Amino acid sequence: MKERRGSIGVILFLLNFCIFLVITLGGMVVYLSLVKPNDVRTKILELILNLIVFWCVGNICYSLKKIIKNIKVKNIFIVENAKRFKIIGSYVIIFGIIYSMLFSANKGGISIIKIGDTGFGPETFLYLILGGLAFILAYIFEEAIKLKEEQDLTI
C-alpha cells in the first residue's frame, strides 16, 4: 500500500512538472514564432497552431492529474474519470493532427497521406490510435460505473 502511494506521488510530481514545462515552453514558442523572418500570415498561423498544441498538452496533463488524484482517494470508477478520458482522447487526436501539420511536411519525412504541403505521417496515426484508446477507456469506465451501480442496488 505504501509503494502505491509513493508511485502516485511521483506521477503527480511528474504531471505538475509537465504542466510547468508546457507553460514555460509555450511562452518560448510564442516568442520564437514571432521573431522568425516569415510573412505575417505564416507567423500568425504558426503561432495559433503552436498555442493549440500547448493547450492540448496542458489539458491532457491536467486531466491525468485529476484522474490520479481521484485514484489516490479510491474514487476510480466515477463519471468524472470517464469524462476526463474522453477529454484526453479528444486532445490527443487534435494534437496529432496539428503536430503533423506543423512538423511532418517541413521535415521531409515519410508521408502516408500528402495534401499540398501538409503530410500525415506514421506519428499522426499513432496519435489517432492513442486517442481512440482513451475513448475505449472512457467507455470501459462508463460500463464499470453501470455495473457498480447495479451491484450497489442488489442486496
N, C-alpha and C. Protein backbone atom coordinates (compact mmCIF):
# COMPACT_ATOMS: atom_id res chain seq x y z
N MET A 1 0.83 -1.19 0.00
CA MET A 1 0.00 0.00 0.00
C MET A 1 0.86 1.25 0.00
N LYS A 2 1.97 1.20 0.75
CA LYS A 2 2.84 2.36 0.84
C LYS A 2 3.53 2.63 -0.49
N GLU A 3 3.91 1.55 -1.22
CA GLU A 3 4.55 1.71 -2.52
C GLU A 3 3.59 2.40 -3.50
N ARG A 4 2.32 2.04 -3.44
CA ARG A 4 1.34 2.62 -4.34
C ARG A 4 1.20 4.13 -4.11
N ARG A 5 1.16 4.54 -2.84
CA ARG A 5 1.06 5.97 -2.55
C ARG A 5 2.30 6.71 -3.02
N GLY A 6 3.47 6.08 -2.87
CA GLY A 6 4.71 6.70 -3.32
C GLY A 6 4.73 6.86 -4.83
N SER A 7 4.28 5.84 -5.55
CA SER A 7 4.28 5.93 -7.00
C SER A 7 3.25 6.95 -7.50
N ILE A 8 2.13 7.04 -6.81
CA ILE A 8 1.14 8.06 -7.18
C ILE A 8 1.71 9.46 -6.94
N GLY A 9 2.44 9.62 -5.85
CA GLY A 9 3.09 10.91 -5.58
C GLY A 9 4.10 11.27 -6.66
N VAL A 10 4.86 10.28 -7.12
CA VAL A 10 5.84 10.53 -8.19
C VAL A 10 5.12 10.91 -9.48
N ILE A 11 4.04 10.21 -9.80
CA ILE A 11 3.28 10.52 -11.01
C ILE A 11 2.70 11.93 -10.93
N LEU A 12 2.15 12.31 -9.78
CA LEU A 12 1.62 13.66 -9.63
C LEU A 12 2.72 14.71 -9.77
N PHE A 13 3.89 14.43 -9.20
CA PHE A 13 5.01 15.37 -9.34
C PHE A 13 5.40 15.53 -10.80
N LEU A 14 5.49 14.42 -11.54
CA LEU A 14 5.85 14.48 -12.95
C LEU A 14 4.81 15.23 -13.77
N LEU A 15 3.53 15.03 -13.46
CA LEU A 15 2.48 15.75 -14.18
C LEU A 15 2.54 17.24 -13.87
N ASN A 16 2.79 17.61 -12.61
CA ASN A 16 2.96 19.03 -12.28
C ASN A 16 4.16 19.62 -13.01
N PHE A 17 5.24 18.86 -13.09
CA PHE A 17 6.43 19.32 -13.80
C PHE A 17 6.12 19.50 -15.29
N CYS A 18 5.35 18.57 -15.87
CA CYS A 18 4.96 18.69 -17.28
C CYS A 18 4.10 19.94 -17.51
N ILE A 19 3.18 20.22 -16.60
CA ILE A 19 2.36 21.42 -16.74
C ILE A 19 3.24 22.67 -16.68
N PHE A 20 4.21 22.67 -15.77
CA PHE A 20 5.16 23.78 -15.68
C PHE A 20 5.94 23.93 -16.99
N LEU A 21 6.40 22.81 -17.56
CA LEU A 21 7.14 22.87 -18.83
C LEU A 21 6.27 23.37 -19.97
N VAL A 22 5.01 22.95 -19.99
CA VAL A 22 4.10 23.41 -21.04
C VAL A 22 3.95 24.92 -20.98
N ILE A 23 3.78 25.46 -19.79
CA ILE A 23 3.63 26.90 -19.65
C ILE A 23 4.91 27.62 -20.06
N THR A 24 6.06 27.12 -19.60
CA THR A 24 7.34 27.74 -19.91
C THR A 24 7.67 27.65 -21.40
N LEU A 25 7.58 26.44 -21.94
CA LEU A 25 7.91 26.26 -23.35
C LEU A 25 6.90 26.94 -24.26
N GLY A 26 5.65 27.01 -23.81
CA GLY A 26 4.64 27.71 -24.59
C GLY A 26 5.00 29.17 -24.78
N GLY A 27 5.47 29.81 -23.73
CA GLY A 27 5.91 31.21 -23.85
C GLY A 27 7.10 31.36 -24.78
N MET A 28 8.03 30.41 -24.71
CA MET A 28 9.19 30.48 -25.59
C MET A 28 8.80 30.28 -27.05
N VAL A 29 7.89 29.36 -27.31
CA VAL A 29 7.45 29.12 -28.69
C VAL A 29 6.72 30.33 -29.24
N VAL A 30 5.90 30.96 -28.41
CA VAL A 30 5.21 32.18 -28.86
C VAL A 30 6.24 33.24 -29.24
N TYR A 31 7.23 33.43 -28.40
CA TYR A 31 8.27 34.42 -28.69
C TYR A 31 9.02 34.07 -29.97
N LEU A 32 9.45 32.81 -30.09
CA LEU A 32 10.24 32.41 -31.26
C LEU A 32 9.44 32.45 -32.54
N SER A 33 8.14 32.15 -32.49
CA SER A 33 7.34 32.20 -33.70
C SER A 33 7.12 33.64 -34.16
N LEU A 34 7.19 34.60 -33.25
CA LEU A 34 7.04 36.00 -33.64
C LEU A 34 8.35 36.58 -34.15
N VAL A 35 9.47 36.02 -33.75
CA VAL A 35 10.78 36.55 -34.14
C VAL A 35 11.23 36.04 -35.50
N LYS A 36 10.75 34.88 -35.93
CA LYS A 36 11.18 34.28 -37.20
C LYS A 36 10.88 35.21 -38.37
N PRO A 37 11.77 35.24 -39.35
CA PRO A 37 11.54 36.10 -40.52
C PRO A 37 10.63 35.43 -41.56
N ASN A 38 9.36 35.34 -41.29
CA ASN A 38 8.36 34.83 -42.22
C ASN A 38 7.35 35.93 -42.51
N ASP A 39 6.46 35.68 -43.45
CA ASP A 39 5.41 36.67 -43.67
C ASP A 39 4.42 36.61 -42.51
N VAL A 40 3.63 37.63 -42.39
CA VAL A 40 2.75 37.80 -41.23
C VAL A 40 1.73 36.67 -41.13
N ARG A 41 1.16 36.26 -42.26
CA ARG A 41 0.15 35.20 -42.22
C ARG A 41 0.74 33.89 -41.72
N THR A 42 1.94 33.57 -42.17
CA THR A 42 2.59 32.34 -41.72
C THR A 42 2.88 32.40 -40.23
N LYS A 43 3.35 33.56 -39.75
CA LYS A 43 3.63 33.72 -38.32
C LYS A 43 2.37 33.54 -37.49
N ILE A 44 1.29 34.16 -37.92
CA ILE A 44 0.04 34.09 -37.15
C ILE A 44 -0.49 32.66 -37.14
N LEU A 45 -0.48 31.99 -38.31
CA LEU A 45 -0.96 30.61 -38.37
C LEU A 45 -0.11 29.69 -37.50
N GLU A 46 1.21 29.83 -37.60
CA GLU A 46 2.10 29.01 -36.79
C GLU A 46 1.92 29.29 -35.30
N LEU A 47 1.73 30.55 -34.95
CA LEU A 47 1.51 30.92 -33.56
C LEU A 47 0.22 30.28 -33.02
N ILE A 48 -0.85 30.37 -33.79
CA ILE A 48 -2.14 29.81 -33.36
C ILE A 48 -2.04 28.29 -33.21
N LEU A 49 -1.42 27.63 -34.18
CA LEU A 49 -1.29 26.17 -34.12
C LEU A 49 -0.42 25.75 -32.94
N ASN A 50 0.66 26.49 -32.67
CA ASN A 50 1.51 26.17 -31.52
C ASN A 50 0.76 26.36 -30.21
N LEU A 51 -0.03 27.42 -30.12
CA LEU A 51 -0.81 27.64 -28.90
C LEU A 51 -1.83 26.52 -28.69
N ILE A 52 -2.44 26.05 -29.79
CA ILE A 52 -3.39 24.95 -29.67
C ILE A 52 -2.68 23.68 -29.20
N VAL A 53 -1.48 23.41 -29.74
CA VAL A 53 -0.71 22.24 -29.31
C VAL A 53 -0.40 22.31 -27.82
N PHE A 54 0.07 23.46 -27.34
CA PHE A 54 0.39 23.59 -25.93
C PHE A 54 -0.86 23.55 -25.06
N TRP A 55 -1.97 24.06 -25.55
CA TRP A 55 -3.25 23.96 -24.83
C TRP A 55 -3.65 22.50 -24.69
N CYS A 56 -3.52 21.72 -25.77
CA CYS A 56 -3.87 20.30 -25.73
C CYS A 56 -2.99 19.54 -24.73
N VAL A 57 -1.68 19.76 -24.80
CA VAL A 57 -0.77 19.05 -23.91
C VAL A 57 -1.04 19.44 -22.45
N GLY A 58 -1.27 20.72 -22.21
CA GLY A 58 -1.57 21.17 -20.85
C GLY A 58 -2.84 20.55 -20.31
N ASN A 59 -3.88 20.48 -21.14
CA ASN A 59 -5.14 19.88 -20.70
C ASN A 59 -5.04 18.38 -20.52
N ILE A 60 -4.23 17.72 -21.34
CA ILE A 60 -4.01 16.28 -21.15
C ILE A 60 -3.35 16.04 -19.79
N CYS A 61 -2.31 16.82 -19.49
CA CYS A 61 -1.61 16.66 -18.20
C CYS A 61 -2.54 16.98 -17.03
N TYR A 62 -3.34 18.03 -17.17
CA TYR A 62 -4.27 18.41 -16.11
C TYR A 62 -5.32 17.33 -15.88
N SER A 63 -5.85 16.77 -16.96
CA SER A 63 -6.86 15.72 -16.83
C SER A 63 -6.26 14.47 -16.20
N LEU A 64 -5.05 14.11 -16.61
CA LEU A 64 -4.39 12.97 -15.99
C LEU A 64 -4.15 13.21 -14.50
N LYS A 65 -3.80 14.44 -14.16
CA LYS A 65 -3.58 14.79 -12.75
C LYS A 65 -4.87 14.61 -11.94
N LYS A 66 -5.99 15.05 -12.50
CA LYS A 66 -7.28 14.89 -11.81
C LYS A 66 -7.66 13.42 -11.66
N ILE A 67 -7.39 12.61 -12.68
CA ILE A 67 -7.68 11.18 -12.60
C ILE A 67 -6.83 10.53 -11.52
N ILE A 68 -5.54 10.87 -11.49
CA ILE A 68 -4.64 10.29 -10.48
C ILE A 68 -5.07 10.71 -9.08
N LYS A 69 -5.51 11.96 -8.91
CA LYS A 69 -5.99 12.39 -7.59
C LYS A 69 -7.24 11.61 -7.18
N ASN A 70 -8.13 11.33 -8.14
CA ASN A 70 -9.30 10.52 -7.83
C ASN A 70 -8.92 9.10 -7.45
N ILE A 71 -7.95 8.55 -8.14
CA ILE A 71 -7.48 7.20 -7.82
C ILE A 71 -6.86 7.18 -6.43
N LYS A 72 -6.15 8.24 -6.09
CA LYS A 72 -5.48 8.32 -4.79
C LYS A 72 -6.48 8.23 -3.64
N VAL A 73 -7.67 8.82 -3.82
CA VAL A 73 -8.70 8.78 -2.77
C VAL A 73 -9.71 7.65 -3.00
N LYS A 74 -9.32 6.68 -3.84
CA LYS A 74 -10.10 5.47 -4.10
C LYS A 74 -11.42 5.73 -4.83
N ASN A 75 -11.50 6.80 -5.59
CA ASN A 75 -12.65 7.07 -6.45
C ASN A 75 -12.25 6.75 -7.89
N ILE A 76 -12.26 5.48 -8.22
CA ILE A 76 -11.75 5.07 -9.53
C ILE A 76 -12.86 5.10 -10.59
N PHE A 77 -13.91 4.34 -10.36
CA PHE A 77 -14.97 4.23 -11.36
C PHE A 77 -16.06 5.26 -11.08
N ILE A 78 -15.78 6.49 -11.45
CA ILE A 78 -16.75 7.58 -11.31
C ILE A 78 -16.91 8.26 -12.67
N VAL A 79 -18.00 8.98 -12.82
CA VAL A 79 -18.32 9.62 -14.09
C VAL A 79 -17.24 10.64 -14.48
N GLU A 80 -16.69 11.34 -13.50
CA GLU A 80 -15.67 12.35 -13.79
C GLU A 80 -14.46 11.75 -14.50
N ASN A 81 -14.03 10.57 -14.07
CA ASN A 81 -12.89 9.92 -14.71
C ASN A 81 -13.21 9.52 -16.15
N ALA A 82 -14.41 9.03 -16.38
CA ALA A 82 -14.82 8.67 -17.75
C ALA A 82 -14.81 9.91 -18.64
N LYS A 83 -15.34 11.03 -18.13
CA LYS A 83 -15.34 12.27 -18.90
C LYS A 83 -13.91 12.75 -19.18
N ARG A 84 -13.05 12.59 -18.19
CA ARG A 84 -11.64 13.01 -18.36
C ARG A 84 -10.95 12.19 -19.45
N PHE A 85 -11.26 10.90 -19.52
CA PHE A 85 -10.66 10.09 -20.58
C PHE A 85 -11.17 10.50 -21.96
N LYS A 86 -12.43 10.91 -22.05
CA LYS A 86 -12.95 11.43 -23.32
C LYS A 86 -12.24 12.73 -23.71
N ILE A 87 -12.02 13.59 -22.72
CA ILE A 87 -11.29 14.84 -22.97
C ILE A 87 -9.87 14.54 -23.44
N ILE A 88 -9.21 13.60 -22.78
CA ILE A 88 -7.85 13.23 -23.15
C ILE A 88 -7.83 12.70 -24.59
N GLY A 89 -8.79 11.83 -24.92
CA GLY A 89 -8.86 11.29 -26.28
C GLY A 89 -9.03 12.38 -27.32
N SER A 90 -9.90 13.34 -27.05
CA SER A 90 -10.12 14.45 -27.99
C SER A 90 -8.85 15.26 -28.18
N TYR A 91 -8.20 15.60 -27.08
CA TYR A 91 -6.99 16.42 -27.18
C TYR A 91 -5.83 15.67 -27.83
N VAL A 92 -5.72 14.38 -27.62
CA VAL A 92 -4.65 13.61 -28.26
C VAL A 92 -4.86 13.59 -29.78
N ILE A 93 -6.09 13.42 -30.23
CA ILE A 93 -6.37 13.42 -31.66
C ILE A 93 -6.09 14.79 -32.26
N ILE A 94 -6.56 15.85 -31.61
CA ILE A 94 -6.30 17.21 -32.10
C ILE A 94 -4.80 17.48 -32.14
N PHE A 95 -4.10 17.08 -31.08
CA PHE A 95 -2.65 17.27 -31.02
C PHE A 95 -1.97 16.56 -32.18
N GLY A 96 -2.35 15.33 -32.45
CA GLY A 96 -1.72 14.57 -33.53
C GLY A 96 -1.90 15.21 -34.88
N ILE A 97 -3.10 15.69 -35.15
CA ILE A 97 -3.36 16.31 -36.45
C ILE A 97 -2.58 17.62 -36.59
N ILE A 98 -2.59 18.44 -35.57
CA ILE A 98 -1.87 19.72 -35.64
C ILE A 98 -0.36 19.50 -35.66
N TYR A 99 0.11 18.53 -34.88
CA TYR A 99 1.54 18.21 -34.88
C TYR A 99 2.00 17.84 -36.27
N SER A 100 1.22 17.02 -36.95
CA SER A 100 1.61 16.62 -38.30
C SER A 100 1.56 17.81 -39.26
N MET A 101 0.62 18.72 -39.07
CA MET A 101 0.56 19.91 -39.91
C MET A 101 1.78 20.80 -39.70
N LEU A 102 2.24 20.90 -38.46
CA LEU A 102 3.36 21.78 -38.16
C LEU A 102 4.71 21.18 -38.52
N PHE A 103 4.89 19.89 -38.28
CA PHE A 103 6.24 19.35 -38.34
C PHE A 103 6.49 18.32 -39.44
N SER A 104 5.51 17.56 -39.85
CA SER A 104 5.76 16.49 -40.82
C SER A 104 6.11 17.02 -42.20
N ALA A 105 5.41 18.02 -42.65
CA ALA A 105 5.58 18.48 -44.02
C ALA A 105 6.94 19.14 -44.24
N ASN A 106 7.42 19.86 -43.26
CA ASN A 106 8.65 20.62 -43.45
C ASN A 106 9.92 19.79 -43.23
N LYS A 107 9.82 18.63 -42.64
CA LYS A 107 11.00 17.84 -42.32
C LYS A 107 11.37 16.86 -43.44
N GLY A 108 10.51 16.67 -44.39
CA GLY A 108 10.82 15.75 -45.47
C GLY A 108 10.77 14.29 -45.06
N GLY A 109 10.03 13.98 -44.02
CA GLY A 109 9.92 12.61 -43.54
C GLY A 109 8.93 11.81 -44.36
N ILE A 110 8.57 10.67 -43.85
CA ILE A 110 7.63 9.79 -44.53
C ILE A 110 6.23 10.40 -44.43
N SER A 111 5.56 10.52 -45.55
CA SER A 111 4.18 10.99 -45.56
C SER A 111 3.30 9.89 -46.12
N ILE A 112 2.38 9.42 -45.32
CA ILE A 112 1.46 8.39 -45.78
C ILE A 112 0.38 9.04 -46.65
N ILE A 113 -0.13 10.17 -46.20
CA ILE A 113 -1.11 10.93 -46.96
C ILE A 113 -0.53 12.34 -47.11
N LYS A 114 -0.45 12.85 -48.34
CA LYS A 114 0.10 14.18 -48.56
C LYS A 114 -0.96 15.04 -49.22
N ILE A 115 -1.25 16.16 -48.58
CA ILE A 115 -2.23 17.11 -49.10
C ILE A 115 -1.53 18.45 -49.21
N GLY A 116 -1.18 18.85 -50.42
CA GLY A 116 -0.43 20.09 -50.60
C GLY A 116 0.92 20.01 -49.92
N ASP A 117 1.19 20.98 -49.06
CA ASP A 117 2.45 20.99 -48.32
C ASP A 117 2.36 20.22 -47.01
N THR A 118 1.17 19.81 -46.63
CA THR A 118 0.98 19.13 -45.35
C THR A 118 0.90 17.63 -45.59
N GLY A 119 1.61 16.89 -44.75
CA GLY A 119 1.58 15.44 -44.86
C GLY A 119 1.21 14.81 -43.54
N PHE A 120 0.53 13.70 -43.61
CA PHE A 120 0.19 12.94 -42.41
C PHE A 120 1.08 11.71 -42.39
N GLY A 121 2.01 11.70 -41.45
CA GLY A 121 2.95 10.60 -41.35
C GLY A 121 2.49 9.55 -40.37
N PRO A 122 3.36 8.56 -40.11
CA PRO A 122 3.01 7.48 -39.18
C PRO A 122 2.69 7.98 -37.77
N GLU A 123 3.35 9.05 -37.33
CA GLU A 123 3.09 9.55 -35.98
C GLU A 123 1.67 10.07 -35.84
N THR A 124 1.09 10.59 -36.92
CA THR A 124 -0.29 11.05 -36.87
C THR A 124 -1.23 9.90 -36.55
N PHE A 125 -1.00 8.77 -37.21
CA PHE A 125 -1.86 7.61 -36.97
C PHE A 125 -1.63 7.04 -35.57
N LEU A 126 -0.43 7.18 -35.06
CA LEU A 126 -0.16 6.76 -33.69
C LEU A 126 -1.00 7.59 -32.71
N TYR A 127 -1.06 8.91 -32.94
CA TYR A 127 -1.87 9.77 -32.08
C TYR A 127 -3.36 9.46 -32.22
N LEU A 128 -3.79 9.13 -33.44
CA LEU A 128 -5.20 8.75 -33.63
C LEU A 128 -5.52 7.46 -32.87
N ILE A 129 -4.59 6.51 -32.90
CA ILE A 129 -4.80 5.26 -32.17
C ILE A 129 -4.82 5.51 -30.67
N LEU A 130 -3.89 6.33 -30.17
CA LEU A 130 -3.86 6.64 -28.74
C LEU A 130 -5.13 7.38 -28.30
N GLY A 131 -5.61 8.29 -29.13
CA GLY A 131 -6.88 8.97 -28.83
C GLY A 131 -8.03 7.99 -28.80
N GLY A 132 -8.04 7.04 -29.74
CA GLY A 132 -9.06 6.01 -29.75
C GLY A 132 -9.01 5.14 -28.51
N LEU A 133 -7.79 4.82 -28.05
CA LEU A 133 -7.65 4.03 -26.82
C LEU A 133 -8.20 4.78 -25.61
N ALA A 134 -8.00 6.09 -25.58
CA ALA A 134 -8.56 6.88 -24.47
C ALA A 134 -10.09 6.84 -24.50
N PHE A 135 -10.68 6.89 -25.71
CA PHE A 135 -12.14 6.77 -25.81
C PHE A 135 -12.61 5.38 -25.38
N ILE A 136 -11.84 4.35 -25.71
CA ILE A 136 -12.20 3.00 -25.28
C ILE A 136 -12.14 2.90 -23.76
N LEU A 137 -11.11 3.49 -23.14
CA LEU A 137 -11.03 3.51 -21.68
C LEU A 137 -12.24 4.22 -21.08
N ALA A 138 -12.65 5.33 -21.70
CA ALA A 138 -13.82 6.05 -21.20
C ALA A 138 -15.06 5.16 -21.26
N TYR A 139 -15.21 4.42 -22.36
CA TYR A 139 -16.35 3.51 -22.49
C TYR A 139 -16.29 2.41 -21.43
N ILE A 140 -15.11 1.86 -21.19
CA ILE A 140 -14.95 0.82 -20.18
C ILE A 140 -15.30 1.37 -18.80
N PHE A 141 -14.87 2.59 -18.52
CA PHE A 141 -15.20 3.21 -17.22
C PHE A 141 -16.70 3.42 -17.10
N GLU A 142 -17.37 3.84 -18.18
CA GLU A 142 -18.82 4.03 -18.12
C GLU A 142 -19.54 2.71 -17.85
N GLU A 143 -19.08 1.64 -18.49
CA GLU A 143 -19.69 0.33 -18.26
C GLU A 143 -19.42 -0.14 -16.83
N ALA A 144 -18.22 0.11 -16.32
CA ALA A 144 -17.89 -0.26 -14.94
C ALA A 144 -18.76 0.52 -13.94
N ILE A 145 -19.03 1.76 -14.25
CA ILE A 145 -19.89 2.58 -13.39
C ILE A 145 -21.30 1.99 -13.35
N LYS A 146 -21.81 1.57 -14.53
CA LYS A 146 -23.14 0.96 -14.58
C LYS A 146 -23.18 -0.32 -13.76
N LEU A 147 -22.15 -1.16 -13.92
CA LEU A 147 -22.09 -2.41 -13.15
C LEU A 147 -21.99 -2.14 -11.66
N LYS A 148 -21.23 -1.14 -11.28
CA LYS A 148 -21.09 -0.78 -9.87
C LYS A 148 -22.42 -0.31 -9.30
N GLU A 149 -23.16 0.50 -10.07
CA GLU A 149 -24.46 0.99 -9.61
C GLU A 149 -25.46 -0.17 -9.47
N GLU A 150 -25.43 -1.11 -10.43
CA GLU A 150 -26.32 -2.27 -10.34
C GLU A 150 -25.98 -3.13 -9.12
N GLN A 151 -24.69 -3.28 -8.88
CA GLN A 151 -24.25 -4.08 -7.73
C GLN A 151 -24.63 -3.41 -6.41
N ASP A 152 -24.56 -2.08 -6.36
CA ASP A 152 -24.93 -1.36 -5.15
C ASP A 152 -26.43 -1.49 -4.86
N LEU A 153 -27.24 -1.67 -5.92
CA LEU A 153 -28.69 -1.79 -5.73
C LEU A 153 -29.09 -3.17 -5.23
N THR A 154 -28.30 -4.19 -5.58
CA THR A 154 -28.63 -5.54 -5.12
C THR A 154 -28.15 -5.73 -3.68
N ILE A 155 -28.92 -6.50 -2.95
CA ILE A 155 -28.58 -6.71 -1.54
C ILE A 155 -27.81 -7.98 -1.36
